Protein backbone atom coordinates (compact mmCIF):
# COMPACT_ATOMS: atom_id res chain seq x y z
CA MET A 1 -23.64 -5.48 33.62
CA ALA A 2 -24.63 -1.90 34.51
CA THR A 3 -23.97 -0.71 31.01
CA GLU A 4 -26.21 -3.45 29.04
CA ALA A 5 -29.15 -1.19 30.38
CA PHE A 6 -28.40 1.58 28.17
CA LYS A 7 -27.99 -0.34 24.91
CA LYS A 8 -30.48 0.20 22.63
CA ILE A 9 -32.66 -2.98 21.15
CA TYR A 10 -35.19 -3.56 18.88
CA THR A 11 -36.95 -6.00 17.18
CA LYS A 12 -38.99 -5.31 14.37
CA ILE A 13 -36.74 -4.97 11.24
CA ASN A 14 -38.41 -3.31 8.03
CA SER A 15 -36.85 -4.73 5.06
CA ILE A 16 -33.84 -7.42 4.83
CA THR A 17 -31.19 -7.01 1.48
CA LYS A 18 -28.40 -9.68 1.02
CA ALA A 19 -25.84 -7.42 2.95
CA THR A 20 -28.11 -5.11 4.66
CA CYS A 21 -31.53 -4.71 6.93
CA SER A 22 -33.19 -1.59 7.53
CA LEU A 23 -35.26 -1.05 10.89
CA ASN A 24 -36.43 2.60 12.54
CA ALA A 25 -34.36 3.41 15.37
CA SER A 26 -33.25 6.74 17.19
CA GLY A 27 -30.44 8.16 18.47
CA VAL A 28 -27.84 6.24 16.54
CA GLY A 29 -24.40 7.23 14.63
CA TYR A 30 -23.30 6.93 11.55
CA ASP A 31 -20.49 4.01 11.50
CA GLU A 32 -22.34 2.89 15.13
CA LEU A 33 -21.47 -0.94 15.35
CA ALA A 34 -24.57 -3.57 16.36
CA THR A 35 -25.44 -7.11 16.59
CA VAL A 36 -28.47 -8.04 14.36
CA ASN A 37 -29.52 -11.88 15.48
CA GLY A 38 -25.74 -11.67 16.64
CA LYS A 39 -23.92 -11.12 13.71
CA LEU A 40 -22.00 -7.92 13.82
CA ALA A 41 -23.35 -4.67 11.56
CA GLN A 42 -22.52 -1.68 11.30
CA VAL A 43 -24.62 1.68 10.53
CA VAL A 44 -24.42 2.71 7.02
CA LYS A 45 -27.13 5.33 6.44
CA ILE A 46 -29.38 7.09 7.93
CA MET A 47 -32.74 8.65 6.57
CA GLY A 48 -35.08 10.14 9.08
CA ASP A 49 -35.76 7.15 11.36
CA GLU A 50 -34.96 4.95 8.98
CA VAL A 51 -31.31 2.73 9.48
CA THR A 52 -29.71 0.75 7.31
CA LEU A 53 -27.31 -1.47 8.60
CA GLN A 54 -24.85 -3.94 6.98
CA VAL A 55 -24.29 -6.82 8.00
CA PHE A 56 -20.64 -8.15 7.51
CA GLU A 57 -21.20 -11.80 7.43
CA GLY A 58 -24.59 -11.23 5.18
CA THR A 59 -28.09 -11.77 6.49
CA GLY A 60 -28.58 -15.16 5.75
CA GLY A 61 -30.71 -16.87 8.63
CA ILE A 62 -32.19 -13.35 9.94
CA PRO A 63 -35.56 -13.34 10.37
CA THR A 64 -37.50 -10.14 10.12
CA ASN A 65 -38.30 -10.22 14.52
CA ALA A 66 -34.37 -10.62 15.01
CA GLU A 67 -33.06 -8.65 18.11
CA VAL A 68 -30.82 -5.94 16.94
CA VAL A 69 -28.77 -4.33 20.12
CA PHE A 70 -26.64 -1.15 18.71
CA LEU A 71 -23.55 -1.19 20.57
CA GLY A 72 -23.43 3.13 21.36
CA LYS A 73 -19.55 3.37 19.68
CA ALA A 74 -17.72 3.02 15.83
CA PRO A 75 -14.75 0.13 15.36
CA SER A 76 -11.88 0.92 17.73
CA LEU A 77 -8.91 -0.16 18.10
CA LYS A 78 -7.05 -0.35 21.60
CA VAL A 79 -3.82 1.68 20.87
CA SER A 80 -0.10 0.87 22.81
CA ASP A 81 3.36 -0.24 22.58
CA GLN A 82 1.71 -3.87 23.12
CA LEU A 83 1.00 -3.30 19.25
CA ALA A 84 4.19 -4.38 17.93
CA GLY A 85 4.92 -8.04 16.61
CA ARG A 86 1.41 -8.76 16.82
CA PHE A 87 -1.16 -9.79 14.02
CA PHE A 88 -4.81 -8.91 14.61
CA ASN A 89 -7.79 -9.67 12.30
CA ALA A 90 -10.42 -6.28 10.65
CA TYR A 91 -11.93 -5.97 14.13
CA GLY A 92 -8.58 -5.54 16.12
CA ASP A 93 -8.17 -9.11 17.66
CA PRO A 94 -5.27 -10.91 18.01
CA ILE A 95 -5.32 -13.97 15.53
CA ASP A 96 -1.52 -15.34 16.88
CA GLY A 97 -2.54 -17.17 19.56
CA GLY A 98 -1.64 -14.47 22.13
CA PRO A 99 -3.61 -12.02 24.51
CA ALA A 100 -5.74 -9.06 24.22
CA VAL A 101 -4.09 -5.83 23.54
CA GLU A 102 -4.00 -2.88 26.89
CA GLY A 103 -4.09 0.52 25.28
CA THR A 104 -6.43 3.57 24.87
CA GLU A 105 -9.58 2.66 22.83
CA VAL A 106 -9.37 4.77 19.25
CA GLU A 107 -12.24 4.88 16.82
CA ILE A 108 -10.59 4.09 13.65
CA GLY A 109 -11.48 6.34 10.39
CA GLY A 110 -10.79 9.29 12.27
CA PRO A 111 -9.98 12.79 9.74
CA SER A 112 -6.68 13.24 7.63
CA VAL A 113 -3.83 15.85 8.94
CA ASN A 114 -4.76 19.10 8.87
CA PRO A 115 -2.48 20.43 5.50
CA VAL A 116 -1.17 23.07 8.27
CA ARG A 117 0.50 20.77 10.50
CA ARG A 118 2.23 18.75 7.90
CA LYS A 119 5.69 19.22 6.95
CA GLN A 120 7.47 19.01 3.26
CA PRO A 121 8.71 15.32 3.03
CA SER A 122 12.32 15.78 3.19
CA GLU A 123 13.50 12.57 4.83
CA LEU A 124 14.48 9.15 2.55
CA ILE A 125 13.05 5.66 3.16
CA ALA A 126 15.80 2.93 1.80
CA THR A 127 13.87 0.21 0.43
CA GLY A 128 17.18 -1.80 -0.57
CA ILE A 129 15.59 -2.12 -3.71
CA ALA A 130 17.50 -0.23 -6.35
CA GLY A 131 14.50 -0.36 -9.26
CA ILE A 132 13.08 1.99 -6.01
CA ASP A 133 16.47 3.79 -4.36
CA LEU A 134 17.71 4.48 -7.35
CA ASN A 135 15.61 5.24 -10.15
CA ASN A 136 12.40 6.56 -7.74
CA THR A 137 13.35 6.99 -4.32
CA LEU A 138 10.47 7.41 -1.98
CA VAL A 139 10.18 9.84 0.79
CA THR A 140 9.21 9.98 4.13
CA GLY A 141 5.05 10.86 4.19
CA GLN A 142 4.56 9.91 0.61
CA LYS A 143 1.82 7.87 -0.78
CA ILE A 144 2.38 5.79 -3.65
CA PRO A 145 1.13 2.28 -5.35
CA PHE A 146 2.83 -0.58 -6.82
CA PHE A 147 1.00 -1.61 -9.92
CA ALA A 148 1.31 -5.18 -10.35
CA ASP A 149 -0.59 -7.85 -12.50
CA PRO A 150 -2.33 -10.66 -10.46
CA ASP A 151 0.43 -13.52 -11.07
CA GLN A 152 3.12 -11.00 -10.18
CA PRO A 153 5.51 -11.69 -6.90
CA TYR A 154 3.94 -8.09 -5.65
CA ASN A 155 3.76 -9.76 -1.67
CA GLN A 156 6.98 -11.14 -1.99
CA VAL A 157 8.36 -7.34 -2.71
CA MET A 158 6.17 -5.83 -0.01
CA ALA A 159 7.86 -8.65 2.26
CA ASN A 160 11.69 -7.44 1.10
CA VAL A 161 10.77 -3.98 1.86
CA ALA A 162 9.20 -4.44 5.58
CA MET A 163 12.45 -6.66 6.05
CA ARG A 164 14.76 -4.15 4.36
CA ALA A 165 13.04 -0.24 5.07
CA GLU A 166 14.70 1.93 7.15
CA THR A 167 11.73 3.02 9.64
CA ASP A 168 10.64 2.46 13.33
CA LYS A 169 7.66 0.56 12.36
CA ILE A 170 6.06 -1.40 9.14
CA ILE A 171 2.50 -1.90 9.49
CA LEU A 172 1.12 -4.65 7.02
CA GLY A 173 -2.49 -4.28 6.12
CA GLY A 174 -3.85 -7.58 4.26
CA MET A 175 -7.12 -7.58 2.00
CA GLY A 176 -8.43 -10.95 0.38
CA MET A 177 -4.80 -12.54 0.81
CA THR A 178 -4.81 -16.53 0.62
CA ASN A 179 -3.64 -18.61 3.70
CA ASP A 180 -0.04 -19.22 1.71
CA ASP A 181 0.23 -15.42 1.68
CA TYR A 182 -0.66 -14.91 5.39
CA LEU A 183 1.81 -17.80 6.57
CA TYR A 184 4.50 -16.31 4.08
CA PHE A 185 4.22 -13.07 5.78
CA LYS A 186 3.97 -14.75 9.20
CA ASN A 187 6.56 -17.53 8.95
CA LEU A 188 9.05 -14.80 7.21
CA PHE A 189 8.48 -12.24 10.18
CA SER A 190 8.97 -14.72 12.82
CA ASN A 191 12.38 -16.35 11.68
CA ALA A 192 13.95 -12.69 10.90
CA GLY A 193 13.73 -11.64 14.19
CA ALA A 194 11.74 -8.71 12.35
CA LEU A 195 8.54 -8.83 14.87
CA ASP A 196 9.48 -6.54 17.31
CA ARG A 197 8.88 -3.39 14.59
CA ILE A 198 6.07 -5.13 12.53
CA ILE A 199 2.32 -4.93 13.13
CA CYS A 200 -0.27 -7.05 11.18
CA PHE A 201 -3.92 -6.83 10.29
CA MET A 202 -5.01 -9.32 8.03
CA ASN A 203 -8.86 -10.68 6.35
CA THR A 204 -7.87 -14.00 3.90
CA THR A 205 -10.39 -15.19 1.22
CA GLU A 206 -12.01 -17.29 3.89
CA ASP A 207 -12.99 -13.93 5.73
CA PRO A 208 -16.07 -12.35 4.66
CA ALA A 209 -14.79 -9.51 1.84
CA VAL A 210 -16.71 -6.99 3.59
CA GLU A 211 -14.60 -7.13 6.70
CA ARG A 212 -11.63 -5.94 3.93
CA LEU A 213 -13.14 -2.26 4.43
CA LEU A 214 -11.93 -1.88 8.10
CA ILE A 215 -8.15 -3.19 7.27
CA PRO A 216 -7.09 0.09 6.05
CA ASP A 217 -8.36 2.42 8.80
CA MET A 218 -7.25 -0.01 11.75
CA ALA A 219 -3.50 -0.14 9.94
CA LEU A 220 -3.74 3.23 9.73
CA THR A 221 -5.30 4.11 13.31
CA ALA A 222 -2.05 2.36 14.79
CA ALA A 223 0.45 4.23 12.69
CA GLU A 224 -0.78 7.50 13.58
CA TYR A 225 -0.86 6.29 17.49
CA PHE A 226 3.19 5.40 16.48
CA ALA A 227 3.86 8.70 14.29
CA VAL A 228 1.77 11.18 16.38
CA GLU A 229 2.76 9.86 19.98
CA LYS A 230 5.86 8.23 19.39
CA ASN A 231 7.49 10.39 16.54
CA GLN A 232 8.57 7.39 14.68
CA LYS A 233 9.07 7.17 11.41
CA VAL A 234 5.98 4.45 10.26
CA LEU A 235 5.68 2.76 6.43
CA VAL A 236 2.03 1.66 6.16
CA LEU A 237 2.10 -1.60 3.10
CA LEU A 238 -1.38 -2.20 2.05
CA THR A 239 -2.30 -5.01 -0.35
CA ASP A 240 -4.11 -5.16 -2.52
CA MET A 241 -6.39 -2.04 -2.82
CA THR A 242 -7.99 -3.93 -5.20
CA MET A 243 -9.42 -6.37 -3.27
CA TYR A 244 -10.67 -3.41 -0.94
CA ALA A 245 -12.38 -1.31 -4.21
CA ASP A 246 -13.95 -4.93 -4.81
CA ALA A 247 -15.61 -5.11 -1.33
CA LEU A 248 -16.50 -1.35 -1.84
CA SER A 249 -18.22 -2.68 -5.08
CA ILE A 250 -20.00 -5.56 -3.40
CA VAL A 251 -21.75 -3.21 -0.62
CA SER A 252 -22.84 -0.31 -3.05
CA ASN A 253 -24.51 -2.96 -5.30
CA ARG A 254 -25.79 -4.30 -2.56
CA MET A 255 -27.32 -1.10 -1.30
CA ASP A 256 -29.06 -0.96 -4.48
CA GLN A 257 -26.40 2.11 -5.43
CA ILE A 258 -26.31 2.77 -9.26
CA PRO A 259 -22.70 1.97 -10.16
CA SER A 260 -20.07 4.11 -11.86
CA LYS A 261 -17.21 3.13 -14.34
CA ASP A 262 -16.38 -0.61 -13.84
CA SER A 263 -18.97 -1.47 -11.79
CA MET A 264 -16.89 0.78 -9.06
CA PRO A 265 -19.56 2.92 -6.44
CA GLY A 266 -19.50 6.67 -7.20
CA SER A 267 -17.73 7.04 -4.10
CA LEU A 268 -14.67 5.30 -5.26
CA TYR A 269 -12.41 8.53 -5.66
CA SER A 270 -12.90 9.85 -1.77
CA ASP A 271 -12.79 6.26 -0.43
CA LEU A 272 -9.64 5.86 -1.70
CA ALA A 273 -8.39 9.77 -1.01
CA LYS A 274 -9.69 8.86 2.66
CA ILE A 275 -7.36 6.48 3.04
CA TYR A 276 -4.03 7.52 0.95
CA GLU A 277 -4.61 11.35 2.07
CA LYS A 278 -3.32 9.70 5.62
CA ALA A 279 0.43 9.83 4.47
CA VAL A 280 1.99 12.56 6.51
CA GLN A 281 5.38 14.18 7.36
CA PHE A 282 5.02 15.76 10.99
CA PRO A 283 6.94 18.57 12.00
CA SER A 284 8.14 16.55 15.31
CA GLY A 285 9.70 14.09 12.88
CA GLY A 286 7.22 11.54 12.94
CA SER A 287 5.60 10.26 9.70
CA ILE A 288 3.33 7.94 8.24
CA THR A 289 4.53 6.64 4.56
CA ILE A 290 2.07 4.46 2.41
CA ILE A 291 2.84 1.65 -0.23
CA ALA A 292 -0.15 0.24 -1.63
CA VAL A 293 -0.68 -2.32 -4.03
CA THR A 294 -3.30 -1.99 -6.65
CA THR A 295 -4.04 -5.29 -9.16
CA LEU A 296 -4.70 -4.36 -12.19
CA SER A 297 -6.38 -6.79 -14.06
CA GLY A 298 -5.03 -7.83 -17.36
CA GLY A 299 -2.66 -5.07 -17.12
CA ASP A 300 -5.46 -2.53 -17.95
CA ILE A 301 -4.14 0.78 -16.43
CA THR A 302 -7.58 2.64 -17.11
CA HIS A 303 -9.56 0.84 -14.86
CA ALA A 304 -11.56 2.39 -12.39
CA VAL A 305 -9.22 1.49 -9.41
CA PRO A 306 -5.52 2.23 -10.70
CA ASP A 307 -7.22 5.14 -12.62
CA ASN A 308 -8.23 7.09 -9.68
CA THR A 309 -5.48 5.90 -7.56
CA GLY A 310 -3.36 7.76 -9.89
CA TYR A 311 -4.96 10.88 -9.21
CA ILE A 312 -4.25 10.68 -5.77
CA THR A 313 -0.92 9.49 -5.32
CA GLU A 314 2.16 10.81 -5.65
CA GLY A 315 3.77 8.19 -8.81
CA GLN A 316 3.32 4.78 -8.80
CA LEU A 317 5.68 1.72 -8.93
CA PHE A 318 5.39 -0.75 -11.86
CA LEU A 319 6.43 -4.27 -11.92
CA ARG A 320 7.20 -6.27 -15.17
CA ARG A 321 8.39 -9.47 -15.70
CA ASP A 322 11.92 -9.29 -17.71
CA SER A 323 11.81 -11.61 -20.83
CA ASP A 324 15.94 -11.11 -21.45
CA ILE A 325 16.66 -11.77 -17.24
CA GLY A 326 13.72 -13.67 -16.45
CA LYS A 327 13.59 -11.87 -13.55
CA VAL A 328 10.84 -9.51 -12.21
CA VAL A 329 11.73 -5.88 -12.45
CA VAL A 330 10.36 -2.80 -11.43
CA ASP A 331 9.98 -0.74 -14.55
CA PRO A 332 11.91 2.47 -15.10
CA PHE A 333 9.99 3.51 -17.75
CA ARG A 334 6.72 3.50 -16.08
CA SER A 335 7.34 4.06 -12.41
CA LEU A 336 7.76 7.29 -11.20
CA SER A 337 8.37 8.88 -7.55
CA ARG A 338 7.21 12.30 -7.89
CA LEU A 339 9.28 13.44 -4.85
CA LYS A 340 12.24 12.27 -5.43
CA GLN A 341 13.96 15.10 -5.94
CA LEU A 342 13.68 16.28 -2.20
CA VAL A 343 16.19 13.67 -1.50
CA ALA A 344 18.07 12.80 -4.54
CA GLY A 345 21.30 14.15 -4.69
CA LYS A 346 20.27 15.96 -1.07
CA LYS A 347 20.05 12.65 1.25
CA THR A 348 22.07 10.57 -1.00
CA ARG A 349 25.42 10.89 -2.59
CA LYS A 350 25.71 14.01 -5.09
CA ASP A 351 26.05 12.10 -8.41
CA HIS A 352 22.85 10.38 -7.81
CA PRO A 353 20.67 12.63 -9.58
CA GLN A 354 22.97 12.59 -12.80
CA VAL A 355 23.69 8.64 -12.57
CA MET A 356 20.24 7.70 -12.33
CA ASN A 357 19.42 10.04 -15.55
CA ALA A 358 22.07 8.66 -17.70
CA ALA A 359 21.01 5.31 -16.74
CA VAL A 360 17.22 5.26 -17.73
CA ARG A 361 18.50 7.24 -21.40
CA LEU A 362 21.07 4.37 -22.20
CA TYR A 363 18.18 1.79 -21.02
CA ALA A 364 16.24 3.29 -23.46
CA ASP A 365 19.01 3.94 -26.46
CA ALA A 366 18.61 0.04 -25.45
CA ALA A 367 14.66 -0.56 -26.18
CA ASN A 368 15.54 1.39 -29.71
CA ALA A 369 18.28 -0.98 -30.55
CA LYS A 370 15.84 -3.99 -29.49
CA THR A 371 13.23 -2.89 -31.79
CA LYS A 372 15.85 -2.41 -34.67
CA LEU A 373 16.87 -5.63 -33.64
CA GLU A 374 13.46 -7.00 -34.40
CA ASN A 375 12.90 -5.41 -37.67
CA GLY A 376 15.66 -6.71 -39.17
CA PHE A 377 18.02 -3.54 -39.29
CA ASP A 378 21.78 -3.60 -39.02
CA LEU A 379 22.72 -3.12 -35.12
CA THR A 380 25.85 -0.39 -34.76
CA ASP A 381 28.68 -1.08 -32.10
CA TYR A 382 26.78 1.65 -29.86
CA ASP A 383 23.21 -0.44 -29.83
CA LYS A 384 24.94 -3.43 -29.17
CA ARG A 385 26.69 -2.32 -26.26
CA THR A 386 23.53 -0.58 -25.10
CA LEU A 387 21.79 -3.74 -25.12
CA ALA A 388 24.51 -6.05 -23.22
CA PHE A 389 24.35 -2.85 -20.62
CA ALA A 390 20.44 -3.10 -20.43
CA LYS A 391 20.56 -6.85 -19.32
CA ASP A 392 23.45 -6.03 -17.16
CA TYR A 393 21.53 -3.09 -15.54
CA SER A 394 18.35 -5.06 -15.21
CA ASP A 395 19.93 -8.03 -13.88
CA LYS A 396 22.31 -6.07 -10.84
CA LEU A 397 20.01 -3.34 -10.20
CA LEU A 398 16.39 -3.15 -11.74
CA ALA A 399 15.50 -7.30 -10.49
CA ILE A 400 13.21 -6.95 -7.38
CA ASP A 401 15.58 -9.69 -5.42
CA VAL A 402 18.74 -6.83 -5.46
CA ASN A 403 19.26 -5.83 -2.03
CA LEU A 404 21.78 -2.93 -1.75
CA ASN A 405 22.16 0.43 -0.06
CA THR A 406 21.93 3.85 -2.46
CA THR A 407 25.83 4.08 -2.63
CA GLU A 408 26.44 0.51 -3.50
CA MET A 409 23.88 0.98 -6.12
CA LEU A 410 25.65 3.99 -7.30
CA ASP A 411 29.13 2.42 -7.46
CA VAL A 412 27.77 -0.64 -9.55
CA THR A 413 26.32 1.80 -12.04
CA TRP A 414 29.35 3.43 -12.40
CA LYS A 415 30.97 0.01 -13.37
CA LEU A 416 28.45 -0.85 -15.78
CA PHE A 417 29.00 2.53 -17.39
CA SER A 418 32.96 2.08 -17.58
CA THR A 419 32.12 -1.55 -18.71
CA TYR A 420 30.72 -0.30 -21.85
CA PHE A 421 31.00 2.87 -22.53
CA LYS A 422 33.42 5.90 -23.09
CA PRO A 423 33.03 8.86 -20.25
CA GLU A 424 31.56 11.08 -23.62
CA GLU A 425 28.49 8.50 -24.42
CA VAL A 426 27.49 8.57 -20.56
CA ASN A 427 27.28 12.45 -20.71
CA ILE A 428 27.67 13.39 -16.64
CA ARG A 429 29.61 16.28 -15.43
CA LYS A 430 33.14 15.99 -15.56
CA GLU A 431 33.42 16.38 -11.38
CA PHE A 432 31.46 13.32 -11.42
CA VAL A 433 33.01 11.75 -13.62
CA ASP A 434 36.38 12.23 -12.56
CA ALA A 435 35.56 11.19 -8.81
CA HIS A 436 33.86 7.68 -9.78
CA TRP A 437 34.56 6.66 -13.29
CA VAL A 438 36.30 2.92 -13.12
CA LYS A 439 39.77 3.11 -14.12
């Protein structure tokens, strides 16, 4: 090959750590790919002439006279319509047995969109999950995390969102997934006939942890192609960002950087922001919306990963197991979509904001009644009715297995109001009560 002649090849390594090796080289750029003794590596540090490479599979078995070949390019993805319905690894290579993708080669990890080119998000993204659409409506161009304990079925929730969301493309980035989870997603998407709008980038627990760092950038590079070139509504699902952060800390520890809070690298905030800030609504109609799972260790919301995530994103969705109904629900007290007022009652039915507020207020009254009950106090008739309402509300609306459109969600809530309360107890504007109260 003619291009072989122009590749920079070195055979003298100065130092080797568990994950990196350093050598003197010139004319090399940040993020550039290289092979070290045949193993793929990437430039992570340049100090004068000294270049540090991060070796993805680890440096085991690499001698100091190993051949280092710089490839002259950063990690990239070939983008075209052929991406749809395919499964790829962290390097963008197909893992579904299909042919390689033909298309334009684009370097991953480019800058986020200039604020001047952004538009105020105003389009509803319906997921069919009432705990989201009714109480915490999502908007195109939003970035929002799912906070969940590791034992909760967050991947099933993500799969449900992927199947039901009213968007043009769904891009799933899996980091540190078990093989079971990977096969679950693959079988579900294939059997549902939804593959034509789904693209997956997967890193499983069997792959090197460091490769996880490429997954979000791969997913977002594909998303940018469909949002910018095709003006499509793209939903990017990333799971699990805690695994991503763990991979960051592995790399920074091996490079002897001084760790910050919870042994995370000092750059954690900007590393996460670089991903989340790719969420955007374009004036042309294309958009990128990001929903990312962040697993909590022992429910700890103050850990560096959820803590930093909360500053960057526009709200959070909280999963918890409801012991009264034995199902996982989207917690109405701890969940928040900071952009919901842009679409609730504007792109949904006019009574939406009032119904949402009334239901959560009555649910809160039920929580107080429960506390009274647990402490041995007598319950009023109203207390008993709120408890019965809360159980039904959890089961018929907050549970993650509920699949309704927003109009149906509102109708179900009105039915529950009418079953357990008088119109004056619900405290909703008369015009809405007259129109929707179930006689």
